[in-house]
Protein backbone atom coordinates (compact mmCIF):
# COMPACT_ATOMS: atom_id res chain seq x y z
CA MET A 1 29.51 197.01 118.53
CA ASN A 2 27.36 197.65 121.26
CA ILE A 3 24.58 194.99 121.14
CA ALA A 4 21.55 194.60 123.09
CA ILE A 5 19.91 191.25 123.20
CA VAL A 6 16.31 191.11 124.65
CA ALA A 7 15.44 187.60 125.69
CA SER A 8 12.79 185.40 127.52
CA SER A 9 13.64 183.20 130.31
CA ASN A 10 13.29 180.01 128.61
CA GLY A 11 15.87 177.69 129.80
CA ASN A 12 16.96 176.13 126.41
CA GLN A 13 16.84 179.56 124.73
CA ARG A 14 18.94 181.22 127.72
CA HIS A 15 21.74 178.41 127.48
CA ARG A 16 22.03 179.15 123.53
CA ILE A 17 21.74 182.96 123.70
CA LEU A 18 24.57 183.01 126.90
CA SER A 19 26.74 180.71 124.50
CA VAL A 20 26.97 182.97 121.35
CA ALA A 21 26.84 186.09 123.60
CA ARG A 22 30.02 184.92 125.29
CA GLU A 23 31.67 184.49 121.80
CA LEU A 24 30.40 187.84 120.71
CA GLY A 25 31.85 189.40 123.85
CA ARG A 26 35.41 188.45 122.80
CA GLU A 27 35.11 191.49 120.39
CA HIS A 28 32.15 193.47 121.09
CA HIS A 29 30.14 194.67 124.33
CA VAL A 30 26.96 192.74 124.91
CA THR A 31 24.06 193.34 127.08
CA ILE A 32 21.40 190.55 127.76
CA TYR A 33 18.09 192.17 129.01
CA SER A 34 15.74 189.66 130.51
CA ARG A 35 12.58 189.85 132.89
CA ARG A 36 13.43 188.60 136.13
CA ASP A 37 12.06 184.86 136.52
CA GLY A 38 13.52 184.14 140.03
CA SER A 39 14.12 185.98 143.48
CA GLU A 40 18.05 185.62 143.31
CA GLY A 41 20.40 187.48 141.35
CA LYS A 42 21.67 190.98 141.32
CA PRO A 43 20.06 193.72 138.92
CA ARG A 44 23.19 193.61 136.72
CA THR A 45 25.78 190.69 136.50
CA ARG A 46 28.92 190.37 134.30
CA VAL A 47 28.55 186.80 133.23
CA ALA A 48 31.51 186.72 130.89
CA PRO A 49 34.15 189.14 129.52
CA GLY A 50 32.32 191.53 127.43
CA VAL A 51 28.95 190.23 128.48
CA THR A 52 26.24 191.75 131.27
CA LEU A 53 23.25 190.38 132.17
CA GLU A 54 20.31 192.73 133.30
CA HIS A 55 17.36 191.61 135.08
CA ILE A 56 14.23 193.73 134.40
CA ASP A 57 12.01 193.78 137.72
CA VAL A 58 8.68 193.69 136.07
CA GLY A 59 5.75 191.22 136.94
CA PRO A 60 6.17 188.45 139.38
CA ALA A 61 9.78 186.81 139.78
CA CYS A 62 8.78 183.60 138.23
CA ASP A 63 8.99 181.74 134.86
CA LEU A 64 5.73 182.65 133.21
CA PRO A 65 4.31 181.30 129.62
CA ALA A 66 4.56 183.87 126.72
CA ASP A 67 0.70 184.94 126.98
CA ASP A 68 0.91 185.52 130.94
CA VAL A 69 4.06 187.94 129.99
CA VAL A 70 2.04 190.10 127.79
CA PRO A 71 0.38 192.40 130.41
CA TYR A 72 3.96 193.45 131.54
CA LEU A 73 5.45 194.03 128.13
CA ASN A 74 4.53 197.85 128.27
CA ASP A 75 6.67 198.20 131.40
CA VAL A 76 9.48 196.25 130.20
CA GLY A 77 9.34 198.54 126.98
CA VAL A 78 9.38 201.54 129.06
CA HIS A 79 12.33 200.00 131.20
CA LEU A 80 14.16 199.35 127.97
CA MET A 81 13.43 202.88 126.53
CA LYS A 82 15.06 204.42 129.72
CA ARG A 83 18.28 202.17 129.60
CA TRP A 84 18.92 202.67 125.86
CA ARG A 85 18.51 206.32 126.28
CA GLN A 86 21.15 206.29 128.82
CA ASP A 87 23.57 203.61 126.75
CA ARG A 88 22.42 203.63 123.27
CA PRO A 89 23.04 200.18 121.42
CA ASP A 90 24.20 199.89 117.92
CA ILE A 91 22.02 196.87 117.25
CA ILE A 92 19.10 195.10 118.89
CA HIS A 93 18.33 191.36 118.67
CA ALA A 94 15.21 190.06 120.07
CA HIS A 95 14.53 186.39 120.97
CA SER A 96 10.68 185.42 120.76
CA TRP A 97 7.49 187.58 119.82
CA THR A 98 7.39 188.79 123.28
CA SER A 99 10.94 190.09 123.33
CA GLY A 100 10.21 191.70 119.96
CA LEU A 101 7.11 193.60 121.12
CA ALA A 102 9.15 194.91 124.16
CA ALA A 103 12.35 195.57 121.93
CA VAL A 104 10.32 197.66 119.31
CA ALA A 105 8.73 199.49 121.95
CA GLY A 106 12.01 200.45 123.85
CA ALA A 107 13.82 201.29 120.73
CA LYS A 108 11.12 203.86 119.95
CA GLY A 109 12.68 207.16 118.39
CA LEU A 110 16.22 205.95 118.73
CA ASP A 111 16.91 205.03 115.19
CA VAL A 112 18.54 201.76 116.21
CA PRO A 113 18.09 198.62 114.07
CA VAL A 114 15.88 195.65 115.61
CA THR A 115 16.71 192.17 114.50
CA GLN A 116 14.40 189.34 115.34
CA THR A 117 14.61 185.66 116.06
CA PHE A 118 11.48 183.77 116.58
CA HIS A 119 12.57 180.32 117.02
CA THR A 120 9.65 178.75 116.30
CA VAL A 121 6.57 180.18 114.35
CA ASP A 122 3.68 180.34 116.94
CA THR A 123 0.50 179.45 115.15
CA ALA A 124 -1.43 181.33 118.03
CA HIS A 125 0.17 184.65 117.21
CA GLN A 126 0.70 184.77 113.53
CA LYS A 127 -0.36 188.22 113.14
CA LEU A 128 1.81 189.65 115.65
CA GLU A 129 4.82 187.58 114.30
CA ARG A 130 4.17 188.77 110.81
CA ALA A 131 3.96 192.26 111.91
CA LEU A 132 7.17 191.95 113.76
CA GLY A 133 8.76 190.08 110.99
CA ARG A 134 7.83 193.05 108.76
CA ARG A 135 8.83 195.55 111.13
CA ALA A 136 12.49 194.18 111.94
CA ASP A 137 15.35 195.16 109.91
CA ALA A 138 16.41 191.48 109.72
CA VAL A 139 14.80 188.20 110.76
CA ILE A 140 17.13 185.65 111.76
CA ALA A 141 16.00 181.94 111.02
CA GLY A 142 18.02 178.97 112.37
CA SER A 143 17.45 176.72 109.24
CA GLY A 144 15.97 176.51 105.72
CA ASP A 145 12.81 174.93 107.06
CA GLU A 146 12.35 178.00 109.34
CA GLU A 147 12.93 180.33 106.77
CA SER A 148 10.39 178.81 104.77
CA ALA A 149 7.97 178.93 107.43
CA LEU A 150 8.46 182.55 107.83
CA ILE A 151 7.82 183.33 104.01
CA ARG A 152 4.63 181.27 104.54
CA LEU A 153 3.97 183.83 107.40
CA GLY A 154 4.40 186.82 105.23
CA VAL A 155 7.64 187.78 106.10
CA PRO A 156 9.65 189.04 103.08
CA ARG A 157 12.44 186.73 101.73
CA HIS A 158 14.77 189.41 101.26
CA ASN A 159 14.38 190.19 104.89
CA ILE A 160 15.43 186.77 106.22
CA ALA A 161 18.95 185.69 107.14
CA ILE A 162 19.81 182.07 108.06
CA VAL A 163 22.01 181.72 111.12
CA PRO A 164 22.02 178.17 112.33
CA TYR A 165 21.89 177.05 115.98
CA GLY A 166 25.33 176.47 117.22
CA VAL A 167 26.98 173.77 119.45
CA ASP A 168 29.80 173.87 121.96
CA THR A 169 32.76 172.10 120.19
CA GLU A 170 34.97 172.73 123.26
CA ARG A 171 32.75 170.39 125.13
CA PHE A 172 31.35 168.41 122.59
CA HIS A 173 34.31 166.62 120.61
CA ARG A 174 35.80 163.12 119.70
CA ARG A 175 38.43 162.76 122.58
CA GLY A 176 37.24 162.64 125.86
CA ALA A 177 35.69 160.52 128.65
CA VAL A 178 33.52 157.83 127.65
CA ALA A 179 30.56 156.56 129.86
CA THR A 180 30.77 152.87 130.77
CA LYS A 181 28.87 150.33 128.81
CA GLY A 182 28.67 146.55 128.41
CA SER A 183 29.18 144.25 125.37
CA ARG A 184 26.26 145.16 123.68
CA LYS A 185 25.97 147.71 120.85
CA ARG A 186 24.42 150.83 122.31
CA LEU A 187 21.93 153.21 120.60
CA LEU A 188 21.18 156.48 122.34
CA HIS A 189 18.20 158.78 122.50
CA VAL A 190 18.64 162.09 124.22
CA GLY A 191 15.41 164.55 124.96
CA PRO A 192 11.95 164.82 126.51
CA LEU A 193 9.88 161.27 126.71
CA SER A 194 6.85 162.45 125.07
CA THR A 195 5.60 160.72 121.81
CA GLU A 196 6.48 163.62 119.49
CA ARG A 197 10.03 163.45 120.45
CA GLY A 198 10.75 160.18 118.94
CA ALA A 199 11.77 157.83 122.02
CA HIS A 200 8.83 155.54 121.28
CA THR A 201 9.85 155.20 117.67
CA VAL A 202 13.35 153.98 118.69
CA VAL A 203 11.90 151.58 121.39
CA ARG A 204 9.73 150.00 118.67
CA ALA A 205 12.67 149.83 116.27
CA LEU A 206 14.82 148.07 118.94
CA GLN A 207 12.44 145.11 118.39
CA GLY A 208 14.00 144.38 114.90
CA LEU A 209 17.71 144.97 116.27
CA GLY A 210 18.67 141.60 117.96
CA ASP A 211 21.16 142.10 120.80
CA VAL A 212 21.15 145.94 120.81
CA GLU A 213 20.79 148.16 123.94
CA LEU A 214 18.87 151.34 124.11
CA VAL A 215 19.60 154.18 126.52
CA ILE A 216 17.04 156.96 126.96
CA ALA A 217 18.43 159.97 128.62
CA GLY A 218 15.93 162.83 129.22
CA GLY A 219 12.43 163.50 130.92
CA PRO A 220 12.25 164.47 134.57
CA ASP A 221 15.08 163.91 137.37
CA PRO A 222 15.85 160.21 137.89
CA GLU A 223 14.07 159.85 141.21
CA ALA A 224 10.88 161.28 139.56
CA LEU A 225 11.00 158.58 136.78
CA GLY A 226 8.48 156.11 138.57
CA ASN A 227 5.83 158.95 138.59
CA ASP A 228 5.99 160.07 135.21
CA LYS A 229 3.23 159.16 132.88
CA ASP A 230 5.70 159.55 129.51
CA ALA A 231 8.14 157.27 131.08
CA GLN A 232 5.69 154.62 132.17
CA ARG A 233 4.09 154.63 128.50
CA LEU A 234 7.82 153.71 127.28
CA ARG A 235 8.11 151.21 129.85
CA ASP A 236 4.70 149.57 128.95
CA LEU A 237 5.51 149.65 125.50
CA ALA A 238 8.91 148.07 125.99
CA GLU A 239 7.37 145.29 127.83
CA GLN A 240 4.72 144.71 125.39
CA LEU A 241 7.25 144.36 122.62
CA GLY A 242 9.56 142.10 124.65
CA VAL A 243 12.54 144.68 124.59
CA ALA A 244 12.17 145.82 128.25
CA ASP A 245 15.44 144.21 129.27
CA ARG A 246 17.48 146.34 126.54
CA VAL A 247 15.87 149.63 127.46
CA THR A 248 17.38 151.79 130.24
CA LEU A 249 15.65 155.25 131.22
CA LEU A 250 18.35 157.52 132.94
CA GLY A 251 15.85 160.54 133.39
CA GLN A 252 17.36 163.87 133.06
CA VAL A 253 21.21 163.93 132.98
CA ARG A 254 23.59 166.78 133.70
CA ARG A 255 24.75 168.56 130.86
CA ALA A 256 28.36 168.04 131.82
CA SER A 257 27.49 164.24 131.61
CA VAL A 258 26.03 164.14 128.11
CA PRO A 259 29.34 164.25 126.09
CA LYS A 260 30.87 161.29 127.54
CA LEU A 261 27.32 159.46 127.37
CA MET A 262 27.19 160.43 123.76
CA ARG A 263 30.82 159.12 123.04
CA SER A 264 29.73 155.65 124.73
CA ALA A 265 27.09 154.96 121.91
CA ASP A 266 27.57 153.15 118.68
CA ALA A 267 24.85 155.53 117.34
CA VAL A 268 22.56 158.38 118.53
CA VAL A 269 19.10 158.34 117.31
CA SER A 270 17.22 161.58 117.16
CA VAL A 271 13.74 161.54 115.25
CA PRO A 272 11.36 163.81 116.68
CA ARG A 273 8.48 164.97 114.32
CA GLU A 274 9.91 168.70 114.55
CA ALA A 275 13.67 169.67 114.94
CA VAL A 276 13.83 173.31 115.51
CA THR A 277 17.31 173.49 116.64
CA GLY A 278 18.46 169.88 115.85
CA ILE A 279 20.91 170.54 118.84
CA VAL A 280 21.23 166.70 119.72
CA ALA A 281 22.11 165.67 116.40
CA LEU A 282 24.64 168.53 116.11
CA GLU A 283 26.11 167.49 119.69
CA ALA A 284 26.49 163.78 118.65
CA MET A 285 28.10 164.84 115.25
CA ALA A 286 30.48 166.94 116.93
CA CYS A 287 31.42 164.13 119.27
CA GLY A 288 32.14 161.98 116.14
CA VAL A 289 29.12 159.86 116.86
CA PRO A 290 27.13 158.63 113.79
CA VAL A 291 23.51 160.00 113.73
CA ILE A 292 20.23 158.48 112.73
CA ALA A 293 17.92 161.62 112.53
CA SER A 294 14.32 162.44 111.14
CA ALA A 295 14.27 164.15 107.95
CA VAL A 296 12.67 167.58 109.19
CA GLY A 297 13.59 171.20 110.17
CA ALA A 298 17.39 171.86 111.10
CA HIS A 299 18.31 168.10 110.45
CA LEU A 300 17.69 168.92 106.66
CA ASP A 301 20.46 171.51 106.79
CA SER A 302 23.00 169.77 109.08
CA ILE A 303 22.87 166.26 108.15
CA VAL A 304 23.99 165.31 104.29
CA ASP A 305 22.13 162.04 104.07
CA GLY A 306 24.68 159.40 103.70
CA VAL A 307 27.63 161.64 104.32
CA THR A 308 27.50 163.19 107.74
CA GLY A 309 24.43 161.01 109.06
CA LEU A 310 21.66 159.32 108.06
CA LEU A 311 17.83 160.56 107.47
CA VAL A 312 14.67 158.82 108.06
CA PRO A 313 11.01 160.19 108.26
CA PRO A 314 9.62 160.48 111.73
CA ASP A 315 7.34 157.79 112.98
CA GLN A 316 8.92 155.13 110.83
CA PRO A 317 10.29 152.33 113.08
CA ALA A 318 10.84 149.56 110.67
CA ARG A 319 12.94 152.08 108.44
CA THR A 320 14.75 153.27 111.53
CA ALA A 321 15.57 149.80 112.43
CA ARG A 322 17.02 149.25 109.05
CA LEU A 323 19.15 151.98 109.03
CA ALA A 324 20.46 151.08 112.55
CA ARG A 325 21.16 147.55 111.33
CA GLU A 326 23.28 148.87 108.43
CA LEU A 327 24.91 151.35 110.61
CA LEU A 328 25.59 149.02 113.84
CA TRP A 329 27.00 146.19 111.79
CA ASP A 330 29.09 148.12 109.38
CA PRO A 331 31.98 149.69 111.22
CA THR A 332 33.46 151.49 108.16
CA LEU A 333 30.43 153.20 107.63
CA ARG A 334 29.96 154.29 111.28
CA THR A 335 33.72 155.68 111.32
CA ALA A 336 32.92 157.36 108.03
CA LEU A 337 29.82 159.30 109.20
CA GLY A 338 31.57 160.01 112.65
CA TYR A 339 34.50 161.62 110.99
CA ALA A 340 32.63 163.49 108.45
CA GLY A 341 29.79 164.66 111.08
CA ALA A 342 32.45 165.90 113.48
CA ASP A 343 34.10 167.96 110.70
CA ARG A 344 30.86 169.72 109.81
CA ALA A 345 29.96 170.34 113.16
CA ARG A 346 33.20 171.90 113.94
CA SER A 347 33.45 173.89 110.62
CA ARG A 348 29.71 174.68 110.16
CA TYR A 349 28.19 175.09 113.63
CA SER A 350 30.90 176.08 116.23
CA TRP A 351 29.91 179.14 118.38
CA GLU A 352 32.66 181.09 116.75
CA ARG A 353 31.20 180.53 113.34
CA VAL A 354 27.75 181.37 114.46
CA SER A 355 28.72 184.72 116.10
CA GLN A 356 30.75 185.69 112.82
CA GLU A 357 27.43 185.20 110.81
CA LEU A 358 25.47 187.17 113.47
CA VAL A 359 27.76 189.93 113.09
CA ARG A 360 27.53 190.11 109.36
CA VAL A 361 23.85 190.27 109.81
CA TYR A 362 24.05 193.16 112.60
CA GLU A 363 26.57 195.07 110.12
CA ALA A 364 24.13 194.62 107.14
CA ALA A 365 21.26 195.89 109.24
CA CYS A 366 23.22 198.90 110.50
CA ALA A 367 24.13 199.92 106.90
């Protein structure tokens, strides 16, 4: 298949799109079209076998919020229309509502199916997303929770296909380097430091966990932690609770270092109020590390409570602490959850499996 992907420049989205594109490129030809968000880079770049990235030179060459991209969407659509008349794709996959508007404009008159992924339902642009969802030949949701949100939005149920967000099982796996640690049992939180992401809940839970350390990876670069308001709030909270000597803030950690950091933990705690992708839990599961995760979003699909991990409502430090106590002092439970989680991540969420499911959606849309 000749697959055209229209994507925004969002960093997290870009990483996932490139990962699945590389897998698709093993058997198909994939072109990713993205508005240029930086001054560097050739107009066309081969990023992997079978995968080409094309920059669209429209608007300022910098990262823009979605609303600020809107004035340039017509020009992006015109560019796509010209390109697709030269090299007609078999299927178009748009990521985000802005990319969806550009893709629909570019596909006009070509009789090429358009599939749509929103990643999150944007309450400020529900009318646009509803229209795009009804116009698309298929809307691809990342979880059952996202499917429900799309149905509430007004997207026909029969038009929605669930294809989960994947995890790189070649980088995240049980065997590999392990970050150094001391004698204390270790909990790990990975992600932004804002309150809604759950780090504050884990700090509060630490108060009831005795001689356990908490390592928090995320937020700004390490040298900027001292001036970061979210980091300071976490430090202040840890001081108030008397656990500051057991909390370590690492700041942003290089992606290459995340697997060995996860393998050093006795458990990974990921308890955000929303979990669109649930990627932290998936990466920990792939590393064979037991997970305590909030019972929201994608976690409800990836984690079978008590089998591949433990679920807890968000913003519940006492219940989080109780589950952590059970887990940290029960090596048999940790081992069982670790093995089951790794098996589920490998069999259900590998990029190979995700790409196969995407191709089935593409083929159905073409049919």
